[in-house]
């Protein structure tokens, strides 16, 4: 029910915009987030946006990445600027919301981001 897109290969200093499209009957969304997982490492939170508009960023991306939502399009995005090789990872979108009476986490498939030096 989540479809991530926008990954690719970019040189250091470049930008990418990841998008996550929501489909199906997910309502009462409390948080939307992006995580990333580099090879051999755990999946870590990159950015989070609450339904109230509060945001949280990993220290390593503060000032470079921005999470936002487009309610009309049922999407949320991650604008990534000034990319560095350490940003190379598979990026996963995540949403916590309700489908009927069930609250749960939803995950999109990973989209690969590769930053060359």
Protein backbone atom coordinates (compact mmCIF):
# COMPACT_ATOMS: atom_id res chain seq x y z
CA UNK A 1 0.00 0.00 0.00
CA UNK A 2 3.08 2.18 -0.08
CA UNK A 3 5.12 2.64 -3.23
CA UNK A 4 8.49 4.36 -3.01
CA UNK A 5 10.22 5.92 -5.99
CA UNK A 6 12.88 8.42 -6.93
CA UNK A 7 16.11 6.65 -6.08
CA UNK A 8 19.10 6.63 -8.38
CA UNK A 9 22.76 7.36 -8.87
CA UNK A 10 23.99 10.87 -8.14
CA UNK A 11 27.34 12.53 -7.62
CA UNK A 12 28.33 13.92 -4.26
CA UNK A 13 26.79 17.34 -3.78
CA UNK A 14 23.79 16.48 -5.90
CA UNK A 15 20.12 16.15 -5.01
CA UNK A 16 17.38 13.55 -5.22
CA UNK A 17 13.73 13.60 -4.28
CA UNK A 18 12.14 10.39 -3.02
CA UNK A 19 8.38 9.99 -3.08
CA UNK A 20 6.07 7.55 -1.35
CA UNK A 21 2.60 7.04 -2.75
CA UNK A 22 -0.15 5.69 -0.55
CA UNK A 23 -3.01 3.57 -1.79
CA UNK A 24 -5.79 1.61 -0.16
CA UNK A 25 -7.82 2.35 2.93
CA UNK A 26 -5.33 3.76 5.37
CA UNK A 27 -6.74 6.43 7.62
CA UNK A 28 -5.92 8.27 10.83
CA UNK A 29 -2.24 8.46 9.93
CA UNK A 30 -0.08 9.47 12.87
CA UNK A 31 3.41 9.40 11.42
CA UNK A 32 5.14 9.24 8.05
CA UNK A 33 8.83 8.47 7.87
CA UNK A 34 11.81 7.51 5.80
CA UNK A 35 14.34 4.93 6.92
CA UNK A 36 17.51 3.76 5.25
CA UNK A 37 19.60 0.65 5.35
CA UNK A 38 23.13 0.40 4.05
CA UNK A 39 24.58 -3.03 3.22
CA UNK A 40 25.47 -4.93 6.37
CA UNK A 41 23.91 -2.32 8.64
CA UNK A 42 20.65 -1.93 10.50
CA UNK A 43 17.72 0.08 9.23
CA UNK A 44 17.81 3.56 10.72
CA UNK A 45 15.36 6.42 10.89
CA UNK A 46 16.22 9.28 8.55
CA UNK A 47 13.25 11.63 8.87
CA UNK A 48 9.80 11.59 10.45
CA UNK A 49 6.74 13.79 10.06
CA UNK A 50 3.81 13.68 12.46
CA UNK A 51 0.20 14.44 11.66
CA UNK A 52 0.65 17.66 13.64
CA UNK A 53 3.44 18.75 11.33
CA UNK A 54 6.33 18.11 13.71
CA UNK A 55 9.49 16.76 12.17
CA UNK A 56 12.47 14.80 13.39
CA UNK A 57 15.70 14.16 11.53
CA UNK A 58 18.75 12.03 12.05
CA UNK A 59 21.68 14.21 13.03
CA UNK A 60 23.57 13.14 9.94
CA UNK A 61 20.96 14.61 7.58
CA UNK A 62 19.84 17.73 9.44
CA UNK A 63 19.99 20.77 7.20
CA UNK A 64 20.27 18.64 4.06
CA UNK A 65 17.08 16.55 3.98
CA UNK A 66 13.47 17.70 4.21
CA UNK A 67 10.39 15.53 4.70
CA UNK A 68 7.04 16.80 3.47
CA UNK A 69 3.57 15.59 2.54
CA UNK A 70 1.07 16.30 -0.21
CA UNK A 71 -2.37 15.38 1.10
CA UNK A 72 -4.08 15.99 -2.21
CA UNK A 73 -1.87 13.40 -3.89
CA UNK A 74 -1.67 10.97 -0.94
CA UNK A 75 2.09 11.15 -1.08
CA UNK A 76 4.97 12.17 1.10
CA UNK A 77 8.48 12.96 0.02
CA UNK A 78 12.07 13.27 1.09
CA UNK A 79 14.06 16.03 -0.55
CA UNK A 80 17.75 15.20 -0.26
CA UNK A 81 20.29 17.92 -0.99
CA UNK A 82 24.06 18.06 -0.78
CA UNK A 83 24.27 14.29 -0.86
CA UNK A 84 27.41 12.57 0.38
CA UNK A 85 28.65 9.00 -0.24
CA UNK A 86 27.60 8.05 3.29
CA UNK A 87 23.98 8.59 2.23
CA UNK A 88 24.22 5.55 -0.04
CA UNK A 89 21.58 3.05 1.08
CA UNK A 90 18.22 1.54 0.34
CA UNK A 91 15.55 4.00 1.46
CA UNK A 92 12.22 2.77 2.79
CA UNK A 93 9.08 4.79 3.40
CA UNK A 94 7.01 4.03 6.45
CA UNK A 95 3.62 5.05 7.71
CA UNK A 96 1.72 4.28 10.91
CA UNK A 97 -2.00 4.44 10.53
CA UNK A 98 -5.31 2.65 10.74
CA UNK A 99 -7.08 0.37 8.29
CA UNK A 100 -10.52 -0.26 9.71
CA UNK A 101 -9.92 -1.03 13.38
CA UNK A 102 -6.33 -2.14 12.98
CA UNK A 103 -3.40 0.14 13.67
CA UNK A 104 -0.15 -0.93 12.12
CA UNK A 105 3.05 0.01 10.38
CA UNK A 106 3.12 0.05 6.63
CA UNK A 107 6.33 -0.21 4.62
CA UNK A 108 7.13 0.55 1.04
CA UNK A 109 9.67 -1.40 -0.94
CA UNK A 110 13.19 0.02 -0.85
CA UNK A 111 14.45 2.48 -3.41
CA UNK A 112 18.19 2.54 -3.92
CA UNK A 113 20.22 5.70 -3.56
CA UNK A 114 23.86 5.63 -4.60
CA UNK A 115 26.07 8.66 -4.13
CA UNK A 116 29.40 8.60 -5.93
CA UNK A 117 32.42 10.53 -4.71
